[in-house]
Each structure stands twice: as structure tokens, then as C-alpha cells.
Amino acid sequence: MNQEDVDKIIADAVAESKKESRRKWHKGSSSQDNITKTRNILNWIFMVGFAVAVVIYFALPDQRVLFFSIGFGAVVLKLVEFYLRFMF
């Protein structure tokens, strides 16, 4: 066995290991794609809701109920996204 054969065997083993690792961590199914899209949408809604809550806090200081409602609603959306990230 010469050096080129050994290098080819090692390269094939490394490629197979990477492929197996990718399969283990990235399922690649369409349901995962749907969950990822849903998570991205929830993240954007959370960021917009949080920004609106901050604006309401400073622009309308008398409207504490509105501030808390929008703020807690944004946090609930973030919790749903967090659940989707780690459960699916």
C-alpha cells in the first residue's frame, strides 16, 4: 500500500463521517423547513411587538396596560418560538 492509497482511505473515512454527522443533526425534511419558517416569522413578530412596546412605554406613559399587554404578548410569542426550537 502506498501513500496515495492511505490518503484516499483517510479522505473517504472523513467524508463518510461528515455525512453521517450531518444526517444525525440535520434531518432535512420538509417539516423541519416549515418549523424553521414558522420560527422565523414568530421571531420577526416578537421583534416588532417588542419595538412597539418600547415606543408605547416612552410615547404614552399613561398607557401602562397597553404596554404590558403588547410586551407580554411578544414574550409569549418568543416562548412559543423557543418551544419550537428545542422540541422539534
N, C-alpha and C. Protein backbone atom coordinates (compact mmCIF):
# COMPACT_ATOMS: atom_id res chain seq x y z
N MET A 1 0.85 -1.18 0.00
CA MET A 1 0.00 0.00 0.00
C MET A 1 0.89 1.24 0.00
N ASN A 2 0.63 2.14 -0.91
CA ASN A 2 1.46 3.35 -0.96
C ASN A 2 0.72 4.51 -0.28
N GLN A 3 1.40 5.65 -0.26
CA GLN A 3 0.88 6.82 0.45
C GLN A 3 -0.43 7.32 -0.16
N GLU A 4 -0.57 7.26 -1.47
CA GLU A 4 -1.79 7.74 -2.13
C GLU A 4 -3.01 6.91 -1.72
N ASP A 5 -2.85 5.61 -1.60
CA ASP A 5 -3.95 4.74 -1.17
C ASP A 5 -4.37 5.05 0.26
N VAL A 6 -3.40 5.26 1.12
CA VAL A 6 -3.69 5.59 2.52
C VAL A 6 -4.43 6.92 2.60
N ASP A 7 -3.96 7.92 1.84
CA ASP A 7 -4.62 9.23 1.84
C ASP A 7 -6.05 9.14 1.33
N LYS A 8 -6.29 8.31 0.32
CA LYS A 8 -7.64 8.14 -0.22
C LYS A 8 -8.54 7.47 0.81
N ILE A 9 -8.05 6.46 1.50
CA ILE A 9 -8.84 5.79 2.53
C ILE A 9 -9.20 6.76 3.64
N ILE A 10 -8.24 7.57 4.05
CA ILE A 10 -8.49 8.54 5.13
C ILE A 10 -9.50 9.59 4.66
N ALA A 11 -9.36 10.09 3.43
CA ALA A 11 -10.29 11.09 2.91
C ALA A 11 -11.70 10.52 2.81
N ASP A 12 -11.84 9.27 2.37
CA ASP A 12 -13.16 8.65 2.30
C ASP A 12 -13.78 8.49 3.68
N ALA A 13 -12.97 8.11 4.66
CA ALA A 13 -13.47 7.94 6.03
C ALA A 13 -13.93 9.28 6.61
N VAL A 14 -13.17 10.32 6.36
CA VAL A 14 -13.55 11.65 6.85
C VAL A 14 -14.84 12.12 6.18
N ALA A 15 -14.96 11.93 4.88
CA ALA A 15 -16.17 12.33 4.16
C ALA A 15 -17.39 11.57 4.67
N GLU A 16 -17.24 10.27 4.90
CA GLU A 16 -18.35 9.47 5.42
C GLU A 16 -18.75 9.92 6.83
N SER A 17 -17.75 10.25 7.64
CA SER A 17 -18.02 10.71 9.00
C SER A 17 -18.78 12.04 8.97
N LYS A 18 -18.37 12.94 8.09
CA LYS A 18 -19.08 14.22 7.98
C LYS A 18 -20.51 14.03 7.50
N LYS A 19 -20.69 13.12 6.55
CA LYS A 19 -22.03 12.86 6.03
C LYS A 19 -22.93 12.29 7.12
N GLU A 20 -22.39 11.37 7.90
CA GLU A 20 -23.17 10.77 8.99
C GLU A 20 -23.51 11.80 10.05
N SER A 21 -22.53 12.66 10.36
CA SER A 21 -22.77 13.70 11.36
C SER A 21 -23.84 14.67 10.87
N ARG A 22 -23.80 15.02 9.60
CA ARG A 22 -24.80 15.92 9.03
C ARG A 22 -26.18 15.30 9.10
N ARG A 23 -26.27 14.00 8.79
CA ARG A 23 -27.56 13.30 8.86
C ARG A 23 -28.08 13.26 10.29
N LYS A 24 -27.18 13.10 11.23
CA LYS A 24 -27.58 13.00 12.64
C LYS A 24 -28.20 14.30 13.14
N TRP A 25 -27.60 15.43 12.78
CA TRP A 25 -28.04 16.71 13.32
C TRP A 25 -29.01 17.46 12.43
N HIS A 26 -28.98 17.21 11.13
CA HIS A 26 -29.84 17.93 10.20
C HIS A 26 -30.71 16.92 9.46
N LYS A 27 -31.95 16.83 9.89
CA LYS A 27 -32.84 15.85 9.29
C LYS A 27 -33.20 16.21 7.86
N GLY A 28 -33.34 17.51 7.57
CA GLY A 28 -33.56 17.95 6.20
C GLY A 28 -34.95 17.66 5.65
N SER A 29 -35.90 17.36 6.48
CA SER A 29 -37.23 17.06 5.98
C SER A 29 -38.01 18.35 5.76
N SER A 30 -39.10 18.24 5.04
CA SER A 30 -39.89 19.44 4.76
C SER A 30 -40.58 19.95 6.02
N SER A 31 -40.87 19.06 6.97
CA SER A 31 -41.48 19.54 8.22
C SER A 31 -40.50 20.42 8.99
N GLN A 32 -39.20 20.10 8.91
CA GLN A 32 -38.21 20.95 9.56
C GLN A 32 -38.16 22.31 8.88
N ASP A 33 -38.30 22.33 7.56
CA ASP A 33 -38.31 23.60 6.85
C ASP A 33 -39.51 24.44 7.26
N ASN A 34 -40.67 23.78 7.44
CA ASN A 34 -41.87 24.51 7.87
C ASN A 34 -41.69 25.06 9.27
N ILE A 35 -41.08 24.28 10.15
CA ILE A 35 -40.85 24.74 11.52
C ILE A 35 -39.87 25.91 11.52
N THR A 36 -38.84 25.84 10.69
CA THR A 36 -37.87 26.93 10.61
C THR A 36 -38.53 28.20 10.10
N LYS A 37 -39.37 28.09 9.10
CA LYS A 37 -40.09 29.27 8.59
C LYS A 37 -41.01 29.84 9.66
N THR A 38 -41.70 28.96 10.37
CA THR A 38 -42.60 29.41 11.44
C THR A 38 -41.81 30.12 12.53
N ARG A 39 -40.65 29.56 12.90
CA ARG A 39 -39.82 30.19 13.92
C ARG A 39 -39.34 31.56 13.47
N ASN A 40 -38.96 31.68 12.20
CA ASN A 40 -38.51 32.99 11.69
C ASN A 40 -39.63 34.01 11.73
N ILE A 41 -40.83 33.61 11.35
CA ILE A 41 -41.98 34.51 11.39
C ILE A 41 -42.28 34.94 12.83
N LEU A 42 -42.27 33.98 13.75
CA LEU A 42 -42.51 34.31 15.15
C LEU A 42 -41.44 35.24 15.71
N ASN A 43 -40.19 35.04 15.30
CA ASN A 43 -39.12 35.94 15.74
C ASN A 43 -39.35 37.36 15.25
N TRP A 44 -39.74 37.51 13.99
CA TRP A 44 -39.99 38.85 13.45
C TRP A 44 -41.17 39.52 14.16
N ILE A 45 -42.23 38.76 14.40
CA ILE A 45 -43.39 39.34 15.10
C ILE A 45 -42.99 39.74 16.52
N PHE A 46 -42.17 38.91 17.17
CA PHE A 46 -41.69 39.24 18.52
C PHE A 46 -40.90 40.55 18.50
N MET A 47 -39.99 40.69 17.53
CA MET A 47 -39.16 41.91 17.47
C MET A 47 -40.01 43.14 17.22
N VAL A 48 -40.99 43.03 16.34
CA VAL A 48 -41.87 44.16 16.07
C VAL A 48 -42.70 44.49 17.31
N GLY A 49 -43.24 43.46 17.95
CA GLY A 49 -44.03 43.67 19.16
C GLY A 49 -43.22 44.31 20.27
N PHE A 50 -41.98 43.86 20.42
CA PHE A 50 -41.12 44.44 21.45
C PHE A 50 -40.82 45.91 21.14
N ALA A 51 -40.54 46.21 19.87
CA ALA A 51 -40.27 47.60 19.49
C ALA A 51 -41.49 48.48 19.73
N VAL A 52 -42.67 47.97 19.39
CA VAL A 52 -43.91 48.73 19.62
C VAL A 52 -44.12 48.96 21.12
N ALA A 53 -43.84 47.95 21.92
CA ALA A 53 -43.99 48.10 23.37
C ALA A 53 -43.04 49.17 23.91
N VAL A 54 -41.82 49.21 23.43
CA VAL A 54 -40.87 50.23 23.89
C VAL A 54 -41.34 51.62 23.47
N VAL A 55 -41.82 51.74 22.25
CA VAL A 55 -42.32 53.05 21.79
C VAL A 55 -43.52 53.48 22.64
N ILE A 56 -44.42 52.57 22.92
CA ILE A 56 -45.59 52.91 23.74
C ILE A 56 -45.16 53.31 25.15
N TYR A 57 -44.15 52.63 25.69
CA TYR A 57 -43.67 52.94 27.03
C TYR A 57 -43.21 54.39 27.14
N PHE A 58 -42.48 54.86 26.12
CA PHE A 58 -41.96 56.23 26.18
C PHE A 58 -42.93 57.26 25.60
N ALA A 59 -43.71 56.90 24.59
CA ALA A 59 -44.59 57.88 23.95
C ALA A 59 -45.89 58.07 24.72
N LEU A 60 -46.40 57.00 25.29
CA LEU A 60 -47.67 57.07 26.03
C LEU A 60 -47.47 56.53 27.45
N PRO A 61 -46.87 57.32 28.32
CA PRO A 61 -46.57 56.80 29.66
C PRO A 61 -47.81 56.48 30.50
N ASP A 62 -48.97 57.02 30.12
CA ASP A 62 -50.18 56.73 30.88
C ASP A 62 -50.81 55.40 30.48
N GLN A 63 -50.39 54.84 29.38
CA GLN A 63 -50.98 53.60 28.85
C GLN A 63 -50.19 52.36 29.29
N ARG A 64 -50.09 52.16 30.59
CA ARG A 64 -49.32 51.02 31.10
C ARG A 64 -49.97 49.69 30.74
N VAL A 65 -51.29 49.63 30.71
CA VAL A 65 -51.97 48.37 30.40
C VAL A 65 -51.67 47.96 28.96
N LEU A 66 -51.69 48.91 28.05
CA LEU A 66 -51.37 48.63 26.66
C LEU A 66 -49.92 48.17 26.52
N PHE A 67 -49.01 48.85 27.22
CA PHE A 67 -47.60 48.47 27.20
C PHE A 67 -47.41 47.04 27.69
N PHE A 68 -47.99 46.71 28.83
CA PHE A 68 -47.84 45.36 29.37
C PHE A 68 -48.51 44.31 28.49
N SER A 69 -49.64 44.65 27.92
CA SER A 69 -50.33 43.69 27.04
C SER A 69 -49.48 43.35 25.81
N ILE A 70 -48.96 44.36 25.16
CA ILE A 70 -48.15 44.11 23.97
C ILE A 70 -46.83 43.46 24.35
N GLY A 71 -46.24 43.92 25.44
CA GLY A 71 -44.96 43.34 25.89
C GLY A 71 -45.10 41.88 26.26
N PHE A 72 -46.11 41.54 27.04
CA PHE A 72 -46.30 40.13 27.43
C PHE A 72 -46.73 39.28 26.23
N GLY A 73 -47.48 39.87 25.32
CA GLY A 73 -47.83 39.14 24.10
C GLY A 73 -46.59 38.80 23.29
N ALA A 74 -45.65 39.74 23.20
CA ALA A 74 -44.39 39.49 22.49
C ALA A 74 -43.58 38.40 23.20
N VAL A 75 -43.56 38.42 24.50
CA VAL A 75 -42.82 37.40 25.25
C VAL A 75 -43.46 36.03 25.05
N VAL A 76 -44.77 35.96 25.01
CA VAL A 76 -45.44 34.68 24.77
C VAL A 76 -45.06 34.14 23.39
N LEU A 77 -45.02 35.00 22.39
CA LEU A 77 -44.60 34.56 21.06
C LEU A 77 -43.16 34.04 21.08
N LYS A 78 -42.30 34.70 21.84
CA LYS A 78 -40.91 34.23 21.94
C LYS A 78 -40.85 32.88 22.64
N LEU A 79 -41.68 32.66 23.64
CA LEU A 79 -41.71 31.35 24.31
C LEU A 79 -42.18 30.25 23.37
N VAL A 80 -43.15 30.56 22.52
CA VAL A 80 -43.61 29.58 21.53
C VAL A 80 -42.48 29.25 20.57
N GLU A 81 -41.75 30.26 20.11
CA GLU A 81 -40.62 30.04 19.22
C GLU A 81 -39.54 29.20 19.91
N PHE A 82 -39.28 29.50 21.15
CA PHE A 82 -38.30 28.75 21.94
C PHE A 82 -38.71 27.29 22.06
N TYR A 83 -39.98 27.04 22.29
CA TYR A 83 -40.50 25.68 22.37
C TYR A 83 -40.31 24.95 21.03
N LEU A 84 -40.62 25.62 19.93
CA LEU A 84 -40.45 25.01 18.61
C LEU A 84 -38.99 24.69 18.32
N ARG A 85 -38.08 25.55 18.79
CA ARG A 85 -36.67 25.34 18.51
C ARG A 85 -36.16 24.07 19.18
N PHE A 86 -36.54 23.83 20.41
CA PHE A 86 -35.96 22.72 21.15
C PHE A 86 -36.80 21.45 21.17
N MET A 87 -38.04 21.53 20.75
CA MET A 87 -38.88 20.33 20.79
C MET A 87 -39.02 19.65 19.44
N PHE A 88 -38.68 20.33 18.36
CA PHE A 88 -38.85 19.72 17.04
C PHE A 88 -37.56 19.75 16.28
